Every structure is written in structure tokens, then in C-alpha cells.
Amino acid sequence: MEFSTWLAFFAASWAISLSPGAGAIAAMSSGLNHGFRRGYFTTFGLVLGILTQIVLVGAGLGALIAASSFGFALVKWLGVAYLVYLGVQQWRAPAKPLVAAAEPGEARAVSLRQLVLRGWAINAVNPKGTVFLLAVVPQFLDMHQSLTSQYTVIGATLCFTDLVVMAGYTALAAKVLSALRSAEHIKTLNRVFGSLFIAAGTLLATFKRAA
């Protein structure tokens, strides 16, 4: 991949990562409920989800999913169900301030592995990501060069920008939570993020594959 081509993709990657979506909601939700240090593990999962999508697209499986009515519908509705599930869980989350999370037993209610898996599922089971990569990535590929090395560069670039951007989202939510002392305020924020997850799932339900 030419350096000028990579620079163009690098700029596009920031726009991709900064755009609001289920990943940003997940990062802020984790920061809200677990603080920055623990909440950031969700971002590692989000990045693994991106890598999963890139592998699918690079191996040609992404095109098969996008072309198959059954495959596309299966992935889409799995994504919808998972986002709505997260929304309900967030809506029902207890209104505990961040200081309470440091008490024995509280911070470990959700394991780091669960946070990573949650992030992974959000990005991996998302046909919008597959279709997006199928539409955007080929524009930056040189078919006369090794596709494996180019997909590696693309994956590393997307992961880098996502790690930085999601760190900002997670820190922002954690900062907001640390300033809160009222359980009622925290309960309201939980419901706001829960509603955002459900809204993201609803939007995904309306997403259709290209004809």
C-alpha cells in the first residue's frame, strides 16, 4: 500500500471511529459502570470485533454474508437481539456510584473477560460493519500487491484509531460518573444508555442489504 493511500485511509479511519454507533455507546456504558481502567477492556473487545470483520471480508466470507439473504438476516437479527439485550441490562442496572464499585465484590460483578466478549460481540455480529468494509476497503487496495499485507495494515490502522477514540469515550463517561453522587442521577444515565442500545438495535433492524 502506497504511503499516500495509507494516509487517506488513516484519515477515513478517524471518521469511522468517531462516528456515533453501538461501539461508542458500549465504551461510554462501560466507563459509566466500571470506571476507565476496567471499562476500557470493552474497547479491546470492540477491536477484536473489528479484526473479526476484516478477516471475514479478507477471506471472502463477508461477501457471502452480504449476498445471502439467510446469512445476512441471521447475522443482523443476532446483532439486533444482542443490542436490545444490552439495552435492557443497562436499563435495569443498579444505581451505584463509582466509589461503591471499589468495595469488595462490587467491581468484580462483571469480569474483564465478559467486558471483552461484550465488546467483541457488538462489532463482530454487525452486518453494517461487513457491508461498510466491503464498500470502503476495496477503494484503498492495490490488486497488484499482496492483499494479506494490505489487510494487515488496514486492520492495524482501524484498531489504532478505535483504541484512541474509545479511550476518549470511556474516559468521558467515567469522568461524568466520578462527579455524580446521586443514585437518581446514575439511574437516569443507566436508562439513557440502555435506551441508546435499544435504539441502536432498532436502527440495525431496519438495515437492509444491497440489492
N, C-alpha and C. Protein backbone atom coordinates (compact mmCIF):
# COMPACT_ATOMS: atom_id res chain seq x y z
N MET A 1 0.85 -1.20 0.00
CA MET A 1 0.00 0.00 0.00
C MET A 1 0.89 1.25 0.00
N GLU A 2 0.63 2.13 -0.95
CA GLU A 2 1.38 3.38 -1.03
C GLU A 2 1.12 4.24 0.21
N PHE A 3 2.14 5.03 0.59
CA PHE A 3 2.01 5.85 1.79
C PHE A 3 0.87 6.86 1.65
N SER A 4 0.70 7.45 0.46
CA SER A 4 -0.37 8.42 0.25
C SER A 4 -1.74 7.77 0.38
N THR A 5 -1.83 6.51 -0.07
CA THR A 5 -3.10 5.77 0.07
C THR A 5 -3.38 5.48 1.53
N TRP A 6 -2.31 5.10 2.25
CA TRP A 6 -2.49 4.84 3.68
C TRP A 6 -2.92 6.09 4.43
N LEU A 7 -2.34 7.24 4.09
CA LEU A 7 -2.72 8.49 4.74
C LEU A 7 -4.20 8.78 4.54
N ALA A 8 -4.70 8.53 3.33
CA ALA A 8 -6.12 8.75 3.05
C ALA A 8 -6.97 7.81 3.89
N PHE A 9 -6.54 6.56 4.00
CA PHE A 9 -7.29 5.61 4.81
C PHE A 9 -7.20 5.95 6.29
N PHE A 10 -6.03 6.42 6.72
CA PHE A 10 -5.83 6.82 8.12
C PHE A 10 -6.82 7.93 8.49
N ALA A 11 -6.97 8.90 7.59
CA ALA A 11 -7.93 9.99 7.83
C ALA A 11 -9.35 9.45 7.88
N ALA A 12 -9.67 8.52 6.98
CA ALA A 12 -11.01 7.93 6.96
C ALA A 12 -11.26 7.13 8.24
N SER A 13 -10.21 6.51 8.77
CA SER A 13 -10.35 5.68 9.97
C SER A 13 -10.79 6.51 11.17
N TRP A 14 -10.27 7.74 11.26
CA TRP A 14 -10.68 8.60 12.38
C TRP A 14 -12.17 8.93 12.27
N ALA A 15 -12.62 9.19 11.05
CA ALA A 15 -14.04 9.50 10.86
C ALA A 15 -14.90 8.28 11.20
N ILE A 16 -14.41 7.09 10.82
CA ILE A 16 -15.14 5.86 11.12
C ILE A 16 -15.24 5.64 12.63
N SER A 17 -14.12 5.80 13.33
CA SER A 17 -14.09 5.56 14.77
C SER A 17 -14.89 6.60 15.55
N LEU A 18 -14.83 7.85 15.09
CA LEU A 18 -15.51 8.93 15.81
C LEU A 18 -17.02 8.93 15.60
N SER A 19 -17.48 8.33 14.51
CA SER A 19 -18.91 8.35 14.22
C SER A 19 -19.67 7.61 15.32
N PRO A 20 -20.75 8.20 15.83
CA PRO A 20 -21.51 7.56 16.91
C PRO A 20 -22.14 6.25 16.44
N GLY A 21 -22.11 5.29 17.31
CA GLY A 21 -22.68 3.99 16.99
C GLY A 21 -22.68 3.10 18.21
N ALA A 22 -22.97 1.81 17.98
CA ALA A 22 -23.06 0.87 19.10
C ALA A 22 -21.74 0.76 19.85
N GLY A 23 -20.60 0.86 19.14
CA GLY A 23 -19.30 0.78 19.79
C GLY A 23 -19.07 1.92 20.76
N ALA A 24 -19.40 3.13 20.33
CA ALA A 24 -19.25 4.30 21.20
C ALA A 24 -20.16 4.20 22.41
N ILE A 25 -21.38 3.73 22.18
CA ILE A 25 -22.33 3.55 23.29
C ILE A 25 -21.77 2.54 24.29
N ALA A 26 -21.21 1.45 23.76
CA ALA A 26 -20.66 0.41 24.64
C ALA A 26 -19.49 0.94 25.45
N ALA A 27 -18.61 1.71 24.80
CA ALA A 27 -17.46 2.26 25.51
C ALA A 27 -17.89 3.20 26.63
N MET A 28 -18.85 4.07 26.35
CA MET A 28 -19.33 5.00 27.37
C MET A 28 -20.09 4.28 28.47
N SER A 29 -20.84 3.27 28.09
CA SER A 29 -21.58 2.49 29.09
C SER A 29 -20.62 1.81 30.05
N SER A 30 -19.53 1.26 29.51
CA SER A 30 -18.55 0.60 30.38
C SER A 30 -17.84 1.60 31.27
N GLY A 31 -17.52 2.77 30.73
CA GLY A 31 -16.90 3.80 31.55
C GLY A 31 -17.83 4.25 32.66
N LEU A 32 -19.10 4.34 32.34
CA LEU A 32 -20.12 4.75 33.30
C LEU A 32 -20.23 3.76 34.45
N ASN A 33 -20.22 2.47 34.12
CA ASN A 33 -20.49 1.44 35.13
C ASN A 33 -19.25 0.90 35.83
N HIS A 34 -18.09 0.99 35.16
CA HIS A 34 -16.91 0.34 35.72
C HIS A 34 -15.70 1.25 35.88
N GLY A 35 -15.82 2.52 35.49
CA GLY A 35 -14.67 3.39 35.53
C GLY A 35 -13.77 3.14 34.33
N PHE A 36 -12.72 3.95 34.17
CA PHE A 36 -11.90 3.86 32.96
C PHE A 36 -11.07 2.58 32.90
N ARG A 37 -10.37 2.23 33.97
CA ARG A 37 -9.42 1.11 33.92
C ARG A 37 -10.10 -0.20 33.58
N ARG A 38 -11.24 -0.48 34.19
CA ARG A 38 -11.95 -1.72 33.87
C ARG A 38 -12.80 -1.55 32.62
N GLY A 39 -13.42 -0.40 32.49
CA GLY A 39 -14.30 -0.19 31.35
C GLY A 39 -13.59 -0.25 30.02
N TYR A 40 -12.29 0.10 30.00
CA TYR A 40 -11.55 0.13 28.75
C TYR A 40 -11.38 -1.26 28.13
N PHE A 41 -11.57 -2.31 28.94
CA PHE A 41 -11.47 -3.66 28.41
C PHE A 41 -12.56 -3.93 27.37
N THR A 42 -13.65 -3.22 27.44
CA THR A 42 -14.67 -3.34 26.41
C THR A 42 -14.11 -2.92 25.05
N THR A 43 -13.25 -1.91 25.06
CA THR A 43 -12.63 -1.45 23.81
C THR A 43 -11.76 -2.53 23.19
N PHE A 44 -11.06 -3.30 24.02
CA PHE A 44 -10.26 -4.40 23.47
C PHE A 44 -11.16 -5.38 22.73
N GLY A 45 -12.34 -5.61 23.29
CA GLY A 45 -13.31 -6.48 22.61
C GLY A 45 -13.81 -5.87 21.31
N LEU A 46 -14.07 -4.56 21.34
CA LEU A 46 -14.51 -3.88 20.12
C LEU A 46 -13.47 -4.01 19.01
N VAL A 47 -12.20 -3.88 19.38
CA VAL A 47 -11.12 -4.01 18.41
C VAL A 47 -11.04 -5.43 17.87
N LEU A 48 -11.21 -6.42 18.74
CA LEU A 48 -11.23 -7.81 18.28
C LEU A 48 -12.39 -8.05 17.31
N GLY A 49 -13.50 -7.36 17.57
CA GLY A 49 -14.64 -7.47 16.66
C GLY A 49 -14.32 -6.89 15.30
N ILE A 50 -13.59 -5.77 15.28
CA ILE A 50 -13.16 -5.16 14.01
C ILE A 50 -12.26 -6.13 13.26
N LEU A 51 -11.31 -6.73 13.97
CA LEU A 51 -10.41 -7.69 13.33
C LEU A 51 -11.17 -8.88 12.78
N THR A 52 -12.19 -9.33 13.50
CA THR A 52 -13.03 -10.43 13.01
C THR A 52 -13.70 -10.05 11.70
N GLN A 53 -14.23 -8.84 11.64
CA GLN A 53 -14.88 -8.37 10.42
C GLN A 53 -13.88 -8.30 9.26
N ILE A 54 -12.69 -7.81 9.53
CA ILE A 54 -11.68 -7.69 8.47
C ILE A 54 -11.26 -9.06 7.96
N VAL A 55 -11.12 -10.03 8.87
CA VAL A 55 -10.79 -11.39 8.45
C VAL A 55 -11.89 -11.96 7.57
N LEU A 56 -13.15 -11.74 7.98
CA LEU A 56 -14.28 -12.23 7.18
C LEU A 56 -14.28 -11.62 5.78
N VAL A 57 -14.06 -10.31 5.73
CA VAL A 57 -14.05 -9.63 4.44
C VAL A 57 -12.85 -10.06 3.61
N GLY A 58 -11.69 -10.15 4.25
CA GLY A 58 -10.49 -10.53 3.53
C GLY A 58 -10.55 -11.95 3.00
N ALA A 59 -11.23 -12.84 3.73
CA ALA A 59 -11.35 -14.23 3.31
C ALA A 59 -12.49 -14.44 2.31
N GLY A 60 -13.26 -13.39 2.05
CA GLY A 60 -14.37 -13.51 1.12
C GLY A 60 -15.67 -13.90 1.76
N LEU A 61 -15.64 -14.21 3.07
CA LEU A 61 -16.88 -14.63 3.75
C LEU A 61 -17.83 -13.45 3.92
N GLY A 62 -17.26 -12.25 4.03
CA GLY A 62 -18.12 -11.07 4.17
C GLY A 62 -19.02 -10.89 2.96
N ALA A 63 -18.45 -11.12 1.78
CA ALA A 63 -19.24 -11.00 0.55
C ALA A 63 -20.35 -12.05 0.51
N LEU A 64 -20.04 -13.25 1.00
CA LEU A 64 -21.05 -14.31 1.03
C LEU A 64 -22.20 -13.95 1.97
N ILE A 65 -21.85 -13.39 3.14
CA ILE A 65 -22.89 -12.98 4.09
C ILE A 65 -23.76 -11.89 3.49
N ALA A 66 -23.11 -10.91 2.84
CA ALA A 66 -23.85 -9.79 2.25
C ALA A 66 -24.74 -10.25 1.10
N ALA A 67 -24.31 -11.30 0.38
CA ALA A 67 -25.06 -11.75 -0.79
C ALA A 67 -26.17 -12.73 -0.43
N SER A 68 -26.02 -13.41 0.70
CA SER A 68 -27.00 -14.43 1.11
C SER A 68 -28.11 -13.80 1.96
N SER A 69 -29.33 -13.96 1.52
CA SER A 69 -30.46 -13.41 2.28
C SER A 69 -30.53 -14.02 3.67
N PHE A 70 -30.36 -15.36 3.73
CA PHE A 70 -30.45 -16.03 5.03
C PHE A 70 -29.29 -15.65 5.93
N GLY A 71 -28.06 -15.69 5.37
CA GLY A 71 -26.88 -15.37 6.17
C GLY A 71 -26.92 -13.95 6.69
N PHE A 72 -27.32 -13.02 5.82
CA PHE A 72 -27.40 -11.62 6.22
C PHE A 72 -28.45 -11.43 7.31
N ALA A 73 -29.61 -12.03 7.13
CA ALA A 73 -30.69 -11.89 8.12
C ALA A 73 -30.29 -12.51 9.45
N LEU A 74 -29.62 -13.66 9.40
CA LEU A 74 -29.20 -14.33 10.63
C LEU A 74 -28.26 -13.45 11.44
N VAL A 75 -27.22 -12.92 10.77
CA VAL A 75 -26.26 -12.07 11.46
C VAL A 75 -26.94 -10.80 11.97
N LYS A 76 -27.79 -10.22 11.13
CA LYS A 76 -28.45 -8.97 11.52
C LYS A 76 -29.31 -9.15 12.76
N TRP A 77 -30.12 -10.19 12.78
CA TRP A 77 -31.04 -10.34 13.91
C TRP A 77 -30.33 -10.79 15.18
N LEU A 78 -29.19 -11.49 15.01
CA LEU A 78 -28.36 -11.78 16.19
C LEU A 78 -27.84 -10.47 16.78
N GLY A 79 -27.40 -9.58 15.90
CA GLY A 79 -26.93 -8.27 16.35
C GLY A 79 -28.01 -7.46 17.01
N VAL A 80 -29.20 -7.47 16.42
CA VAL A 80 -30.33 -6.73 16.98
C VAL A 80 -30.67 -7.25 18.37
N ALA A 81 -30.77 -8.58 18.48
CA ALA A 81 -31.13 -9.20 19.77
C ALA A 81 -30.09 -8.87 20.84
N TYR A 82 -28.81 -8.88 20.45
CA TYR A 82 -27.77 -8.61 21.43
C TYR A 82 -27.78 -7.17 21.91
N LEU A 83 -27.97 -6.24 20.99
CA LEU A 83 -28.02 -4.83 21.37
C LEU A 83 -29.22 -4.53 22.27
N VAL A 84 -30.36 -5.11 21.94
CA VAL A 84 -31.55 -4.90 22.77
C VAL A 84 -31.34 -5.52 24.15
N TYR A 85 -30.71 -6.70 24.17
CA TYR A 85 -30.40 -7.35 25.45
C TYR A 85 -29.51 -6.46 26.32
N LEU A 86 -28.47 -5.89 25.70
CA LEU A 86 -27.59 -4.98 26.44
C LEU A 86 -28.36 -3.77 26.94
N GLY A 87 -29.28 -3.28 26.11
CA GLY A 87 -30.08 -2.12 26.50
C GLY A 87 -30.93 -2.41 27.72
N VAL A 88 -31.56 -3.57 27.73
CA VAL A 88 -32.40 -3.95 28.87
C VAL A 88 -31.55 -4.12 30.12
N GLN A 89 -30.38 -4.74 29.96
CA GLN A 89 -29.48 -4.93 31.10
C GLN A 89 -29.02 -3.58 31.66
N GLN A 90 -28.69 -2.66 30.76
CA GLN A 90 -28.24 -1.33 31.20
C GLN A 90 -29.38 -0.58 31.89
N TRP A 91 -30.58 -0.68 31.34
CA TRP A 91 -31.75 -0.01 31.91
C TRP A 91 -32.01 -0.48 33.33
N ARG A 92 -31.78 -1.77 33.56
CA ARG A 92 -32.06 -2.35 34.87
C ARG A 92 -30.85 -2.33 35.81
N ALA A 93 -29.72 -1.77 35.34
CA ALA A 93 -28.51 -1.76 36.17
C ALA A 93 -28.73 -0.97 37.46
N PRO A 94 -28.18 -1.45 38.57
CA PRO A 94 -28.33 -0.74 39.84
C PRO A 94 -27.64 0.62 39.82
N ALA A 95 -28.23 1.57 40.51
CA ALA A 95 -27.68 2.94 40.54
C ALA A 95 -26.62 3.02 41.63
N LYS A 96 -25.41 2.57 41.30
CA LYS A 96 -24.31 2.58 42.27
C LYS A 96 -23.24 3.56 41.81
N PRO A 97 -22.84 4.49 42.66
CA PRO A 97 -21.77 5.42 42.28
C PRO A 97 -20.44 4.69 42.13
N LEU A 98 -19.51 5.33 41.43
CA LEU A 98 -18.23 4.71 41.14
C LEU A 98 -17.48 4.31 42.41
N VAL A 99 -17.60 5.10 43.46
CA VAL A 99 -16.89 4.77 44.70
C VAL A 99 -17.36 3.44 45.25
N ALA A 100 -18.62 3.09 45.01
CA ALA A 100 -19.13 1.82 45.50
C ALA A 100 -18.51 0.66 44.77
N ALA A 101 -18.09 0.90 43.51
CA ALA A 101 -17.52 -0.18 42.72
C ALA A 101 -16.18 -0.64 43.26
N ALA A 102 -15.57 0.17 44.12
CA ALA A 102 -14.28 -0.20 44.67
C ALA A 102 -14.43 -1.09 45.90
N GLU A 103 -15.65 -1.24 46.38
CA GLU A 103 -15.87 -2.07 47.54
C GLU A 103 -15.70 -3.55 47.17
N PRO A 104 -15.29 -4.39 48.12
CA PRO A 104 -15.08 -5.80 47.84
C PRO A 104 -16.32 -6.43 47.21
N GLY A 105 -16.10 -7.14 46.11
CA GLY A 105 -17.20 -7.86 45.47
C GLY A 105 -17.95 -7.06 44.45
N GLU A 106 -17.94 -5.73 44.55
CA GLU A 106 -18.73 -4.92 43.64
C GLU A 106 -18.08 -4.80 42.26
N ALA A 107 -16.77 -4.47 42.24
CA ALA A 107 -16.09 -4.24 40.98
C ALA A 107 -15.96 -5.52 40.16
N ARG A 108 -16.02 -6.66 40.82
CA ARG A 108 -15.82 -7.93 40.13
C ARG A 108 -17.14 -8.54 39.67
N ALA A 109 -18.24 -7.81 39.78
CA ALA A 109 -19.53 -8.36 39.39
C ALA A 109 -19.52 -8.75 37.91
N VAL A 110 -18.83 -7.97 37.09
CA VAL A 110 -18.65 -8.28 35.68
C VAL A 110 -17.16 -8.49 35.45
N SER A 111 -16.78 -9.67 34.97
CA SER A 111 -15.37 -9.97 34.79
C SER A 111 -14.80 -9.24 33.59
N LEU A 112 -13.47 -9.13 33.55
CA LEU A 112 -12.81 -8.49 32.42
C LEU A 112 -13.08 -9.28 31.14
N ARG A 113 -13.13 -10.58 31.27
CA ARG A 113 -13.43 -11.42 30.09
C ARG A 113 -14.82 -11.11 29.54
N GLN A 114 -15.77 -10.92 30.42
CA GLN A 114 -17.13 -10.59 29.98
C GLN A 114 -17.16 -9.25 29.27
N LEU A 115 -16.40 -8.29 29.77
CA LEU A 115 -16.34 -6.98 29.13
C LEU A 115 -15.74 -7.09 27.73
N VAL A 116 -14.69 -7.89 27.59
CA VAL A 116 -14.06 -8.08 26.28
C VAL A 116 -15.03 -8.78 25.32
N LEU A 117 -15.68 -9.84 25.80
CA LEU A 117 -16.62 -10.58 24.95
C LEU A 117 -17.80 -9.71 24.54
N ARG A 118 -18.24 -8.85 25.44
CA ARG A 118 -19.35 -7.95 25.13
C ARG A 118 -18.96 -7.01 23.98
N GLY A 119 -17.76 -6.45 24.08
CA GLY A 119 -17.30 -5.56 23.02
C GLY A 119 -17.12 -6.30 21.70
N TRP A 120 -16.55 -7.50 21.77
CA TRP A 120 -16.34 -8.29 20.55
C TRP A 120 -17.66 -8.58 19.84
N ALA A 121 -18.66 -9.01 20.61
CA ALA A 121 -19.94 -9.37 20.01
C ALA A 121 -20.60 -8.18 19.33
N ILE A 122 -20.46 -7.00 19.92
CA ILE A 122 -21.10 -5.81 19.35
C ILE A 122 -20.58 -5.52 17.95
N ASN A 123 -19.27 -5.63 17.74
CA ASN A 123 -18.71 -5.34 16.42
C ASN A 123 -18.69 -6.55 15.49
N ALA A 124 -18.53 -7.74 16.04
CA ALA A 124 -18.44 -8.93 15.19
C ALA A 124 -19.79 -9.30 14.58
N VAL A 125 -20.86 -9.18 15.38
CA VAL A 125 -22.20 -9.54 14.90
C VAL A 125 -22.90 -8.27 14.44
N ASN A 126 -22.37 -7.67 13.40
CA ASN A 126 -22.93 -6.42 12.89
C ASN A 126 -22.76 -6.38 11.37
N PRO A 127 -23.80 -6.73 10.64
CA PRO A 127 -23.69 -6.75 9.17
C PRO A 127 -23.43 -5.38 8.57
N LYS A 128 -23.76 -4.32 9.31
CA LYS A 128 -23.47 -2.98 8.80
C LYS A 128 -21.95 -2.80 8.66
N GLY A 129 -21.22 -3.35 9.63
CA GLY A 129 -19.76 -3.28 9.56
C GLY A 129 -19.23 -4.06 8.36
N THR A 130 -19.81 -5.23 8.11
CA THR A 130 -19.39 -6.05 6.98
C THR A 130 -19.62 -5.33 5.66
N VAL A 131 -20.83 -4.81 5.50
CA VAL A 131 -21.17 -4.10 4.27
C VAL A 131 -20.31 -2.86 4.10
N PHE A 132 -20.07 -2.16 5.21
CA PHE A 132 -19.25 -0.96 5.16
C PHE A 132 -17.83 -1.29 4.70
N LEU A 133 -17.24 -2.32 5.28
CA LEU A 133 -15.88 -2.70 4.89
C LEU A 133 -15.83 -3.16 3.44
N LEU A 134 -16.86 -3.87 3.00
CA LEU A 134 -16.91 -4.31 1.61
C LEU A 134 -16.97 -3.13 0.65
N ALA A 135 -17.62 -2.06 1.08
CA ALA A 135 -17.77 -0.89 0.22
C ALA A 135 -16.56 0.02 0.24
N VAL A 136 -15.93 0.15 1.42
CA VAL A 136 -14.86 1.13 1.59
C VAL A 136 -13.46 0.57 1.34
N VAL A 137 -13.16 -0.59 1.93
CA VAL A 137 -11.80 -1.13 1.88
C VAL A 137 -11.27 -1.33 0.45
N PRO A 138 -12.07 -1.89 -0.48
CA PRO A 138 -11.53 -2.11 -1.84
C PRO A 138 -11.01 -0.83 -2.50
N GLN A 139 -11.52 0.32 -2.11
CA GLN A 139 -11.06 1.58 -2.71
C GLN A 139 -9.60 1.88 -2.37
N PHE A 140 -9.09 1.25 -1.32
CA PHE A 140 -7.72 1.52 -0.87
C PHE A 140 -6.77 0.36 -1.18
N LEU A 141 -7.28 -0.66 -1.86
CA LEU A 141 -6.45 -1.83 -2.15
C LEU A 141 -5.80 -1.73 -3.51
N ASP A 142 -4.56 -2.19 -3.57
CA ASP A 142 -3.85 -2.32 -4.84
C ASP A 142 -3.83 -3.80 -5.18
N MET A 143 -4.58 -4.19 -6.19
CA MET A 143 -4.72 -5.61 -6.53
C MET A 143 -3.43 -6.23 -7.06
N HIS A 144 -2.44 -5.41 -7.33
CA HIS A 144 -1.16 -5.91 -7.82
C HIS A 144 -0.17 -6.16 -6.69
N GLN A 145 -0.58 -5.85 -5.47
CA GLN A 145 0.26 -6.10 -4.31
C GLN A 145 -0.40 -7.15 -3.41
N SER A 146 0.36 -7.61 -2.42
CA SER A 146 -0.15 -8.63 -1.51
C SER A 146 -1.37 -8.11 -0.75
N LEU A 147 -2.48 -8.82 -0.89
CA LEU A 147 -3.71 -8.40 -0.19
C LEU A 147 -3.59 -8.66 1.31
N THR A 148 -2.87 -9.72 1.67
CA THR A 148 -2.71 -10.04 3.09
C THR A 148 -2.02 -8.91 3.84
N SER A 149 -0.92 -8.40 3.27
CA SER A 149 -0.19 -7.32 3.93
C SER A 149 -1.04 -6.05 3.97
N GLN A 150 -1.81 -5.80 2.91
CA GLN A 150 -2.65 -4.60 2.89
C GLN A 150 -3.78 -4.69 3.90
N TYR A 151 -4.40 -5.86 4.02
CA TYR A 151 -5.45 -6.04 5.02
C TYR A 151 -4.87 -5.93 6.43
N THR A 152 -3.61 -6.36 6.60
CA THR A 152 -2.95 -6.23 7.90
C THR A 152 -2.77 -4.76 8.27
N VAL A 153 -2.33 -3.97 7.30
CA VAL A 153 -2.16 -2.54 7.54
C VAL A 153 -3.50 -1.87 7.82
N ILE A 154 -4.52 -2.23 7.06
CA ILE A 154 -5.86 -1.66 7.25
C ILE A 154 -6.40 -2.02 8.63
N GLY A 155 -6.23 -3.29 9.02
CA GLY A 155 -6.70 -3.71 10.32
C GLY A 155 -5.98 -3.00 11.45
N ALA A 156 -4.66 -2.88 11.34
CA ALA A 156 -3.87 -2.20 12.38
C ALA A 156 -4.27 -0.73 12.48
N THR A 157 -4.54 -0.10 11.34
CA THR A 157 -4.92 1.31 11.34
C THR A 157 -6.27 1.52 12.01
N LEU A 158 -7.23 0.70 11.65
CA LEU A 158 -8.56 0.81 12.25
C LEU A 158 -8.51 0.53 13.76
N CYS A 159 -7.71 -0.46 14.14
CA CYS A 159 -7.58 -0.79 15.57
C CYS A 159 -6.96 0.36 16.34
N PHE A 160 -5.94 0.98 15.77
CA PHE A 160 -5.28 2.09 16.46
C PHE A 160 -6.24 3.25 16.71
N THR A 161 -6.94 3.67 15.65
CA THR A 161 -7.85 4.81 15.81
C THR A 161 -8.98 4.46 16.78
N ASP A 162 -9.45 3.22 16.75
CA ASP A 162 -10.53 2.83 17.65
C ASP A 162 -10.06 2.80 19.09
N LEU A 163 -8.83 2.33 19.32
CA LEU A 163 -8.29 2.31 20.68
C LEU A 163 -8.19 3.72 21.25
N VAL A 164 -7.80 4.67 20.43
CA VAL A 164 -7.67 6.05 20.89
C VAL A 164 -9.04 6.69 21.11
N VAL A 165 -9.91 6.56 20.13
CA VAL A 165 -11.23 7.21 20.21
C VAL A 165 -12.06 6.62 21.34
N MET A 166 -12.09 5.30 21.46
CA MET A 166 -12.89 4.67 22.50
C MET A 166 -12.33 4.94 23.89
N ALA A 167 -11.01 5.18 23.97
CA ALA A 167 -10.43 5.60 25.26
C ALA A 167 -11.04 6.93 25.67
N GLY A 168 -11.21 7.82 24.70
CA GLY A 168 -11.83 9.12 24.99
C GLY A 168 -13.26 8.98 25.44
N TYR A 169 -14.03 8.13 24.75
CA TYR A 169 -15.43 7.92 25.13
C TYR A 169 -15.53 7.30 26.53
N THR A 170 -14.67 6.31 26.79
CA THR A 170 -14.70 5.63 28.09
C THR A 170 -14.32 6.60 29.21
N ALA A 171 -13.26 7.38 28.98
CA ALA A 171 -12.81 8.33 30.00
C ALA A 171 -13.85 9.41 30.26
N LEU A 172 -14.52 9.85 29.20
CA LEU A 172 -15.56 10.87 29.35
C LEU A 172 -16.68 10.38 30.25
N ALA A 173 -17.15 9.17 29.99
CA ALA A 173 -18.23 8.62 30.80
C ALA A 173 -17.78 8.36 32.23
N ALA A 174 -16.55 7.87 32.40
CA ALA A 174 -16.03 7.61 33.74
C ALA A 174 -15.89 8.91 34.53
N LYS A 175 -15.49 9.97 33.84
CA LYS A 175 -15.34 11.27 34.49
C LYS A 175 -16.70 11.80 34.95
N VAL A 176 -17.70 11.62 34.09
CA VAL A 176 -19.05 12.05 34.45
C VAL A 176 -19.52 11.29 35.68
N LEU A 177 -19.29 9.96 35.67
CA LEU A 177 -19.75 9.14 36.79
C LEU A 177 -19.05 9.53 38.09
N SER A 178 -17.73 9.80 38.03
CA SER A 178 -16.99 10.11 39.25
C SER A 178 -17.48 11.41 39.89
N ALA A 179 -18.12 12.25 39.09
CA ALA A 179 -18.61 13.53 39.60
C ALA A 179 -20.02 13.39 40.19
N LEU A 180 -20.63 12.23 39.99
CA LEU A 180 -22.00 12.04 40.46
C LEU A 180 -22.02 11.42 41.85
N ARG A 181 -22.93 11.88 42.63
CA ARG A 181 -23.12 11.29 43.95
C ARG A 181 -24.55 10.82 44.15
N SER A 182 -25.46 11.33 43.35
CA SER A 182 -26.87 10.99 43.49
C SER A 182 -27.19 9.69 42.76
N ALA A 183 -27.78 8.74 43.46
CA ALA A 183 -28.18 7.48 42.85
C ALA A 183 -29.22 7.72 41.76
N GLU A 184 -30.04 8.73 41.95
CA GLU A 184 -31.08 9.04 40.97
C GLU A 184 -30.46 9.49 39.64
N HIS A 185 -29.38 10.27 39.72
CA HIS A 185 -28.69 10.71 38.51
C HIS A 185 -28.07 9.53 37.78
N ILE A 186 -27.44 8.62 38.53
CA ILE A 186 -26.81 7.46 37.93
C ILE A 186 -27.86 6.56 37.30
N LYS A 187 -28.99 6.42 37.97
CA LYS A 187 -30.08 5.61 37.44
C LYS A 187 -30.58 6.20 36.11
N THR A 188 -30.66 7.52 36.06
CA THR A 188 -31.10 8.18 34.83
C THR A 188 -30.12 7.94 33.70
N LEU A 189 -28.80 8.04 34.00
CA LEU A 189 -27.79 7.79 32.98
C LEU A 189 -27.83 6.35 32.49
N ASN A 190 -28.02 5.40 33.41
CA ASN A 190 -28.15 4.00 33.02
C ASN A 190 -29.30 3.81 32.04
N ARG A 191 -30.39 4.49 32.30
CA ARG A 191 -31.55 4.36 31.42
C ARG A 191 -31.33 5.05 30.08
N VAL A 192 -30.57 6.14 30.12
CA VAL A 192 -30.24 6.82 28.86
C VAL A 192 -29.40 5.89 27.98
N PHE A 193 -28.36 5.29 28.56
CA PHE A 193 -27.52 4.39 27.78
C PHE A 193 -28.27 3.13 27.38
N GLY A 194 -29.14 2.64 28.26
CA GLY A 194 -29.96 1.49 27.90
C GLY A 194 -30.85 1.80 26.71
N SER A 195 -31.43 2.98 26.70
CA SER A 195 -32.28 3.40 25.59
C SER A 195 -31.47 3.55 24.30
N LEU A 196 -30.22 4.03 24.43
CA LEU A 196 -29.36 4.17 23.25
C LEU A 196 -29.02 2.80 22.65
N PHE A 197 -28.77 1.81 23.49
CA PHE A 197 -28.52 0.46 22.99
C PHE A 197 -29.76 -0.06 22.23
N ILE A 198 -30.92 0.12 22.83
CA ILE A 198 -32.15 -0.35 22.20
C ILE A 198 -32.40 0.39 20.89
N ALA A 199 -32.11 1.70 20.88
CA ALA A 199 -32.26 2.49 19.65
C ALA A 199 -31.30 1.98 18.57
N ALA A 200 -30.06 1.65 18.97
CA ALA A 200 -29.10 1.13 18.01
C ALA A 200 -29.57 -0.21 17.45
N GLY A 201 -30.15 -1.04 18.30
CA GLY A 201 -30.69 -2.31 17.84
C GLY A 201 -31.85 -2.11 16.89
N THR A 202 -32.71 -1.13 17.19
CA THR A 202 -33.85 -0.82 16.32
C THR A 202 -33.38 -0.34 14.96
N LEU A 203 -32.36 0.53 14.94
CA LEU A 203 -31.82 1.01 13.67
C LEU A 203 -31.20 -0.14 12.87
N LEU A 204 -30.51 -1.04 13.55
CA LEU A 204 -29.93 -2.18 12.85
C LEU A 204 -31.03 -3.05 12.24
N ALA A 205 -32.17 -3.16 12.93
CA ALA A 205 -33.28 -3.97 12.42
C ALA A 205 -33.81 -3.43 11.09
N THR A 206 -33.65 -2.13 10.86
CA THR A 206 -34.15 -1.53 9.62
C THR A 206 -33.10 -1.58 8.50
N PHE A 207 -31.89 -2.02 8.84
CA PHE A 207 -30.81 -2.04 7.85
C PHE A 207 -31.04 -3.18 6.86
N LYS A 208 -30.93 -2.86 5.58
CA LYS A 208 -31.15 -3.87 4.53
C LYS A 208 -29.89 -4.03 3.71
N ARG A 209 -29.69 -5.24 3.23
CA ARG A 209 -28.53 -5.49 2.38
C ARG A 209 -28.77 -4.88 1.01
N ALA A 210 -27.69 -4.59 0.33
CA ALA A 210 -27.82 -4.02 -1.02
C ALA A 210 -28.41 -5.05 -1.98
N ALA A 211 -29.19 -4.56 -2.90
CA ALA A 211 -29.83 -5.48 -3.86
C ALA A 211 -28.77 -6.10 -4.77
